[in-house]
């Protein structure tokens, strides 16, 4: 688990440092996220999906991938229909960011526990974490409390992801394609939402 924690937290810490000392750099944020998305699709298509398909078949593997890809979007759609302004409220926006980091950590923890494309998933998330976190630190006010929340949210996700296969061995074959779907969704989501010029109000301290 230590390697999973280091692989998840070092890029987040790097993004925090960039946000504090360098600030958001539009020129490299977009290309870094595109590179992360390409890496994520490659890991999903070449490692996670084929490995799962050996056990549950391609139909099951692709179905689990679709579930991971669509589930966050459906949850966000439900929240919006329930009247929650996820981007207008600073508290909800910060909560969404911490949840995002938790899912990133979950993906890394689960992939390391399963030894399924572990470093491919870790590198893909790392490539996107530095520019994403640096932008978030700038957009959400740059306080040390936000930095701590990002690190803690990521670490909790790693611990949960690493623990799931042992606690629920029946999920082992289904986790890789779900992780792949979540990974691709989050990177696609970041390309659309966390872009220069899209600002969140900093949370009240």
C-alpha atoms as a PDB file:
ATOM      1  CA  UNK A   1       0.000   0.000   0.000  1.00  0.00           C
ATOM      2  CA  UNK A   2       2.930   2.332   0.632  1.00  0.00           C
ATOM      3  CA  UNK A   3       3.813   2.483  -3.059  1.00  0.00           C
ATOM      4  CA  UNK A   4       0.183   3.204  -3.925  1.00  0.00           C
ATOM      5  CA  UNK A   5       0.056   6.026  -1.365  1.00  0.00           C
ATOM      6  CA  UNK A   6       3.304   7.528  -2.643  1.00  0.00           C
ATOM      7  CA  UNK A   7       2.176   7.222  -6.251  1.00  0.00           C
ATOM      8  CA  UNK A   8      -1.069   9.025  -5.425  1.00  0.00           C
ATOM      9  CA  UNK A   9       0.148  11.684  -2.996  1.00  0.00           C
ATOM     10  CA  UNK A  10       3.402  12.849  -4.611  1.00  0.00           C
ATOM     11  CA  UNK A  11       1.649  14.269  -7.733  1.00  0.00           C
ATOM     12  CA  UNK A  12      -0.990  15.943  -5.524  1.00  0.00           C
ATOM     13  CA  UNK A  13       1.750  17.504  -3.391  1.00  0.00           C
ATOM     14  CA  UNK A  14       3.497  18.605  -6.583  1.00  0.00           C
ATOM     15  CA  UNK A  15       0.300  20.200  -7.863  1.00  0.00           C
ATOM     16  CA  UNK A  16      -0.178  22.019  -4.551  1.00  0.00           C
ATOM     17  CA  UNK A  17       3.397  23.348  -4.729  1.00  0.00           C
ATOM     18  CA  UNK A  18       2.894  24.518  -8.323  1.00  0.00           C
ATOM     19  CA  UNK A  19      -0.349  26.261  -7.333  1.00  0.00           C
ATOM     20  CA  UNK A  20       1.277  27.992  -4.375  1.00  0.00           C
ATOM     21  CA  UNK A  21       4.569  29.040  -5.904  1.00  0.00           C
ATOM     22  CA  UNK A  22       4.050  29.128  -9.666  1.00  0.00           C
ATOM     23  CA  UNK A  23       0.319  29.530 -10.218  1.00  0.00           C
ATOM     24  CA  UNK A  24      -1.861  28.240 -13.018  1.00  0.00           C
ATOM     25  CA  UNK A  25      -0.132  27.956 -16.395  1.00  0.00           C
ATOM     26  CA  UNK A  26      -2.581  27.755 -19.279  1.00  0.00           C
ATOM     27  CA  UNK A  27       0.049  26.744 -21.828  1.00  0.00           C
ATOM     28  CA  UNK A  28       0.799  23.358 -20.259  1.00  0.00           C
ATOM     29  CA  UNK A  29      -2.436  22.449 -18.479  1.00  0.00           C
ATOM     30  CA  UNK A  30      -4.385  21.516 -21.613  1.00  0.00           C
ATOM     31  CA  UNK A  31      -1.649  19.367 -23.223  1.00  0.00           C
ATOM     32  CA  UNK A  32      -0.969  17.597 -19.905  1.00  0.00           C
ATOM     33  CA  UNK A  33      -4.621  16.633 -19.557  1.00  0.00           C
ATOM     34  CA  UNK A  34      -4.811  15.402 -23.144  1.00  0.00           C
ATOM     35  CA  UNK A  35      -1.688  13.300 -22.543  1.00  0.00           C
ATOM     36  CA  UNK A  36      -3.249  11.896 -19.349  1.00  0.00           C
ATOM     37  CA  UNK A  37      -6.439  11.019 -21.234  1.00  0.00           C
ATOM     38  CA  UNK A  38      -4.473   9.203 -23.956  1.00  0.00           C
ATOM     39  CA  UNK A  39      -2.554   7.275 -21.280  1.00  0.00           C
ATOM     40  CA  UNK A  40      -5.798   6.390 -19.484  1.00  0.00           C
ATOM     41  CA  UNK A  41      -7.463   5.093 -22.657  1.00  0.00           C
ATOM     42  CA  UNK A  42      -4.363   3.036 -23.466  1.00  0.00           C
ATOM     43  CA  UNK A  43      -4.267   1.471 -19.992  1.00  0.00           C
ATOM     44  CA  UNK A  44      -8.004   0.755 -20.120  1.00  0.00           C
ATOM     45  CA  UNK A  45      -7.942  -0.777 -23.610  1.00  0.00           C
ATOM     46  CA  UNK A  46      -4.671  -2.694 -23.392  1.00  0.00           C
ATOM     47  CA  UNK A  47      -4.564  -3.802 -19.739  1.00  0.00           C
ATOM     48  CA  UNK A  48      -7.668  -3.396 -17.590  1.00  0.00           C
ATOM     49  CA  UNK A  49     -10.417  -4.495 -19.991  1.00  0.00           C
ATOM     50  CA  UNK A  50      -8.610  -7.525 -21.475  1.00  0.00           C
ATOM     51  CA  UNK A  51      -7.596  -8.743 -18.006  1.00  0.00           C
ATOM     52  CA  UNK A  52     -11.170  -8.565 -16.765  1.00  0.00           C
ATOM     53  CA  UNK A  53     -12.542 -10.112 -19.958  1.00  0.00           C
ATOM     54  CA  UNK A  54     -10.517 -13.275 -19.306  1.00  0.00           C
ATOM     55  CA  UNK A  55     -12.708 -13.892 -16.254  1.00  0.00           C
ATOM     56  CA  UNK A  56     -16.107 -12.296 -16.893  1.00  0.00           C
ATOM     57  CA  UNK A  57     -16.088 -12.112 -20.699  1.00  0.00           C
ATOM     58  CA  UNK A  58     -16.045  -9.076 -22.959  1.00  0.00           C
ATOM     59  CA  UNK A  59     -19.736  -8.315 -22.482  1.00  0.00           C
ATOM     60  CA  UNK A  60     -19.369  -8.196 -18.703  1.00  0.00           C
ATOM     61  CA  UNK A  61     -16.104  -6.281 -18.884  1.00  0.00           C
ATOM     62  CA  UNK A  62     -17.486  -3.641 -21.254  1.00  0.00           C
ATOM     63  CA  UNK A  63     -20.674  -3.409 -19.166  1.00  0.00           C
ATOM     64  CA  UNK A  64     -18.640  -2.728 -16.015  1.00  0.00           C
ATOM     65  CA  UNK A  65     -16.568  -0.171 -17.926  1.00  0.00           C
ATOM     66  CA  UNK A  66     -19.760   1.574 -19.067  1.00  0.00           C
ATOM     67  CA  UNK A  67     -21.029   1.596 -15.468  1.00  0.00           C
ATOM     68  CA  UNK A  68     -17.834   3.269 -14.252  1.00  0.00           C
ATOM     69  CA  UNK A  69     -17.930   5.715 -17.151  1.00  0.00           C
ATOM     70  CA  UNK A  70     -21.570   6.762 -16.688  1.00  0.00           C
ATOM     71  CA  UNK A  71     -22.107   6.496 -12.915  1.00  0.00           C
ATOM     72  CA  UNK A  72     -20.491   9.846 -11.972  1.00  0.00           C
ATOM     73  CA  UNK A  73     -22.427  11.628 -14.715  1.00  0.00           C
ATOM     74  CA  UNK A  74     -25.713  10.093 -13.538  1.00  0.00           C
ATOM     75  CA  UNK A  75     -24.976  11.076  -9.929  1.00  0.00           C
ATOM     76  CA  UNK A  76     -24.199  14.656 -10.974  1.00  0.00           C
ATOM     77  CA  UNK A  77     -27.349  14.772 -13.105  1.00  0.00           C
ATOM     78  CA  UNK A  78     -29.407  13.553 -10.147  1.00  0.00           C
ATOM     79  CA  UNK A  79     -27.851  16.172  -7.879  1.00  0.00           C
ATOM     80  CA  UNK A  80     -28.638  18.943 -10.366  1.00  0.00           C
ATOM     81  CA  UNK A  81     -32.233  17.759 -10.734  1.00  0.00           C
ATOM     82  CA  UNK A  82     -32.501  17.729  -6.953  1.00  0.00           C
ATOM     83  CA  UNK A  83     -31.626  21.445  -6.978  1.00  0.00           C
ATOM     84  CA  UNK A  84     -27.986  21.240  -5.849  1.00  0.00           C
ATOM     85  CA  UNK A  85     -25.768  23.831  -7.518  1.00  0.00           C
ATOM     86  CA  UNK A  86     -22.510  21.885  -7.458  1.00  0.00           C
ATOM     87  CA  UNK A  87     -20.475  24.659  -9.056  1.00  0.00           C
ATOM     88  CA  UNK A  88     -22.121  27.698  -7.544  1.00  0.00           C
ATOM     89  CA  UNK A  89     -21.725  26.787  -3.870  1.00  0.00           C
ATOM     90  CA  UNK A  90     -18.172  26.951  -2.583  1.00  0.00           C
ATOM     91  CA  UNK A  91     -18.795  24.232   0.021  1.00  0.00           C
ATOM     92  CA  UNK A  92     -20.307  21.856  -2.535  1.00  0.00           C
ATOM     93  CA  UNK A  93     -17.599  22.664  -5.067  1.00  0.00           C
ATOM     94  CA  UNK A  94     -14.905  21.864  -2.509  1.00  0.00           C
ATOM     95  CA  UNK A  95     -16.746  18.673  -1.553  1.00  0.00           C
ATOM     96  CA  UNK A  96     -16.810  17.657  -5.202  1.00  0.00           C
ATOM     97  CA  UNK A  97     -13.076  18.287  -5.491  1.00  0.00           C
ATOM     98  CA  UNK A  98     -12.304  16.145  -2.435  1.00  0.00           C
ATOM     99  CA  UNK A  99     -14.559  13.383  -3.798  1.00  0.00           C
ATOM    100  CA  UNK A 100     -12.730  13.620  -7.133  1.00  0.00           C
ATOM    101  CA  UNK A 101      -9.412  13.134  -5.357  1.00  0.00           C
ATOM    102  CA  UNK A 102     -10.887  10.241  -3.377  1.00  0.00           C
ATOM    103  CA  UNK A 103     -11.882   8.498  -6.604  1.00  0.00           C
ATOM    104  CA  UNK A 104      -8.402   9.104  -8.036  1.00  0.00           C
ATOM    105  CA  UNK A 105      -6.932   7.511  -4.920  1.00  0.00           C
ATOM    106  CA  UNK A 106      -9.413   4.631  -5.091  1.00  0.00           C
ATOM    107  CA  UNK A 107      -8.339   3.866  -8.660  1.00  0.00           C
ATOM    108  CA  UNK A 108      -4.668   3.802  -7.706  1.00  0.00           C
ATOM    109  CA  UNK A 109      -5.254   1.740  -4.554  1.00  0.00           C
ATOM    110  CA  UNK A 110      -7.456  -0.820  -6.301  1.00  0.00           C
ATOM    111  CA  UNK A 111      -5.113  -1.203  -9.274  1.00  0.00           C
ATOM    112  CA  UNK A 112      -2.134  -1.791  -6.952  1.00  0.00           C
ATOM    113  CA  UNK A 113      -4.074  -4.283  -4.826  1.00  0.00           C
ATOM    114  CA  UNK A 114      -5.132  -6.194  -7.941  1.00  0.00           C
ATOM    115  CA  UNK A 115      -1.776  -5.755  -9.704  1.00  0.00           C
ATOM    116  CA  UNK A 116      -3.832  -4.773 -12.759  1.00  0.00           C
ATOM    117  CA  UNK A 117      -2.153  -2.011 -14.754  1.00  0.00           C
ATOM    118  CA  UNK A 118      -1.088  -0.471 -11.448  1.00  0.00           C
ATOM    119  CA  UNK A 119       1.671   1.799 -12.706  1.00  0.00           C
ATOM    120  CA  UNK A 120      -0.172   2.640 -15.891  1.00  0.00           C
ATOM    121  CA  UNK A 121      -3.129   3.894 -13.843  1.00  0.00           C
ATOM    122  CA  UNK A 122      -0.777   5.664 -11.414  1.00  0.00           C
ATOM    123  CA  UNK A 123       1.137   7.460 -14.181  1.00  0.00           C
ATOM    124  CA  UNK A 124      -2.030   8.472 -16.036  1.00  0.00           C
ATOM    125  CA  UNK A 125      -3.504   9.967 -12.872  1.00  0.00           C
ATOM    126  CA  UNK A 126      -0.183  11.588 -11.930  1.00  0.00           C
ATOM    127  CA  UNK A 127       0.055  13.332 -15.311  1.00  0.00           C
ATOM    128  CA  UNK A 128      -3.376  14.860 -14.822  1.00  0.00           C
ATOM    129  CA  UNK A 129      -3.088  15.485 -11.062  1.00  0.00           C
ATOM    130  CA  UNK A 130      -0.329  18.103 -11.162  1.00  0.00           C
ATOM    131  CA  UNK A 131      -2.068  20.587 -13.513  1.00  0.00           C
ATOM    132  CA  UNK A 132      -5.514  19.814 -12.096  1.00  0.00           C
ATOM    133  CA  UNK A 133      -4.523  20.264  -8.459  1.00  0.00           C
ATOM    134  CA  UNK A 134      -2.483  23.390  -9.210  1.00  0.00           C
ATOM    135  CA  UNK A 135      -5.544  24.925 -10.903  1.00  0.00           C
ATOM    136  CA  UNK A 136      -7.779  23.914  -7.997  1.00  0.00           C
ATOM    137  CA  UNK A 137      -5.416  25.438  -5.463  1.00  0.00           C
ATOM    138  CA  UNK A 138      -5.507  28.730  -7.378  1.00  0.00           C
ATOM    139  CA  UNK A 139      -9.266  28.621  -8.055  1.00  0.00           C
ATOM    140  CA  UNK A 140     -10.305  27.641  -4.537  1.00  0.00           C
ATOM    141  CA  UNK A 141      -8.237  30.179  -2.689  1.00  0.00           C
ATOM    142  CA  UNK A 142      -4.903  28.454  -2.094  1.00  0.00           C
ATOM    143  CA  UNK A 143      -5.253  27.976   1.671  1.00  0.00           C
ATOM    144  CA  UNK A 144      -3.379  25.246   3.531  1.00  0.00           C
ATOM    145  CA  UNK A 145      -6.729  23.782   4.629  1.00  0.00           C
ATOM    146  CA  UNK A 146      -7.614  23.057   1.000  1.00  0.00           C
ATOM    147  CA  UNK A 147      -4.213  21.434   0.469  1.00  0.00           C
ATOM    148  CA  UNK A 148      -4.751  19.181   3.481  1.00  0.00           C
ATOM    149  CA  UNK A 149      -8.239  18.205   2.289  1.00  0.00           C
ATOM    150  CA  UNK A 150      -6.904  17.279  -1.152  1.00  0.00           C
ATOM    151  CA  UNK A 151      -4.158  15.115   0.359  1.00  0.00           C
ATOM    152  CA  UNK A 152      -6.441  13.464   2.921  1.00  0.00           C
ATOM    153  CA  UNK A 153      -9.178  12.805   0.356  1.00  0.00           C
ATOM    154  CA  UNK A 154      -6.642  11.161  -1.958  1.00  0.00           C
ATOM    155  CA  UNK A 155      -5.114   9.061   0.835  1.00  0.00           C
ATOM    156  CA  UNK A 156      -8.507   7.840   2.052  1.00  0.00           C
ATOM    157  CA  UNK A 157      -9.370   6.815  -1.498  1.00  0.00           C
ATOM    158  CA  UNK A 158      -6.132   4.821  -1.785  1.00  0.00           C
ATOM    159  CA  UNK A 159      -6.785   2.985   1.491  1.00  0.00           C
ATOM    160  CA  UNK A 160     -10.368   2.128   0.512  1.00  0.00           C
ATOM    161  CA  UNK A 161      -9.380   1.050  -3.001  1.00  0.00           C
ATOM    162  CA  UNK A 162      -6.537  -1.100  -1.699  1.00  0.00           C
ATOM    163  CA  UNK A 163      -8.807  -2.735   0.888  1.00  0.00           C
ATOM    164  CA  UNK A 164     -11.799  -3.554  -1.333  1.00  0.00           C
ATOM    165  CA  UNK A 165     -10.369  -6.658  -3.053  1.00  0.00           C
ATOM    166  CA  UNK A 166      -9.602  -8.284   0.314  1.00  0.00           C
ATOM    167  CA  UNK A 167     -12.948  -7.325   1.834  1.00  0.00           C
ATOM    168  CA  UNK A 168     -15.015  -8.268  -1.227  1.00  0.00           C
ATOM    169  CA  UNK A 169     -13.109 -10.852  -3.289  1.00  0.00           C
ATOM    170  CA  UNK A 170     -16.128 -11.322  -5.548  1.00  0.00           C
ATOM    171  CA  UNK A 171     -15.475  -7.850  -6.969  1.00  0.00           C
ATOM    172  CA  UNK A 172     -11.914  -8.616  -8.053  1.00  0.00           C
ATOM    173  CA  UNK A 173     -12.812  -9.434 -11.653  1.00  0.00           C
ATOM    174  CA  UNK A 174     -15.147  -6.438 -11.928  1.00  0.00           C
ATOM    175  CA  UNK A 175     -12.952  -3.737 -10.397  1.00  0.00           C
ATOM    176  CA  UNK A 176     -10.456  -3.248 -13.290  1.00  0.00           C
ATOM    177  CA  UNK A 177     -13.088  -2.240 -15.899  1.00  0.00           C
ATOM    178  CA  UNK A 178     -14.943  -0.101 -13.327  1.00  0.00           C
ATOM    179  CA  UNK A 179     -11.644   1.634 -12.497  1.00  0.00           C
ATOM    180  CA  UNK A 180     -11.025   2.098 -16.227  1.00  0.00           C
ATOM    181  CA  UNK A 181     -14.451   3.688 -16.727  1.00  0.00           C
ATOM    182  CA  UNK A 182     -14.033   6.023 -13.743  1.00  0.00           C
ATOM    183  CA  UNK A 183     -10.568   7.025 -14.909  1.00  0.00           C
ATOM    184  CA  UNK A 184     -11.667   7.885 -18.446  1.00  0.00           C
ATOM    185  CA  UNK A 185     -14.758   9.718 -17.155  1.00  0.00           C
ATOM    186  CA  UNK A 186     -12.815  11.863 -14.699  1.00  0.00           C
ATOM    187  CA  UNK A 187     -10.220  12.857 -17.270  1.00  0.00           C
ATOM    188  CA  UNK A 188     -12.894  13.706 -19.847  1.00  0.00           C
ATOM    189  CA  UNK A 189     -14.742  15.663 -17.141  1.00  0.00           C
ATOM    190  CA  UNK A 190     -11.588  17.588 -16.246  1.00  0.00           C
ATOM    191  CA  UNK A 191     -11.034  18.610 -19.853  1.00  0.00           C
ATOM    192  CA  UNK A 192     -14.483  20.226 -19.882  1.00  0.00           C
ATOM    193  CA  UNK A 193     -14.779  21.669 -16.383  1.00  0.00           C
ATOM    194  CA  UNK A 194     -11.353  22.521 -14.981  1.00  0.00           C
ATOM    195  CA  UNK A 195     -10.190  24.890 -17.690  1.00  0.00           C
ATOM    196  CA  UNK A 196      -8.651  28.361 -17.467  1.00  0.00           C
ATOM    197  CA  UNK A 197     -11.324  30.962 -17.092  1.00  0.00           C
ATOM    198  CA  UNK A 198     -13.723  28.657 -15.233  1.00  0.00           C
ATOM    199  CA  UNK A 199     -13.483  29.928 -11.685  1.00  0.00           C
ATOM    200  CA  UNK A 200     -14.935  28.704  -8.422  1.00  0.00           C
ATOM    201  CA  UNK A 201     -15.490  31.066  -5.575  1.00  0.00           C
ATOM    202  CA  UNK A 202     -12.999  30.253  -2.789  1.00  0.00           C
ATOM    203  CA  UNK A 203     -14.640  28.612   0.210  1.00  0.00           C
ATOM    204  CA  UNK A 204     -15.191  30.683   3.302  1.00  0.00           C
ATOM    205  CA  UNK A 205     -12.470  30.176   5.865  1.00  0.00           C
END
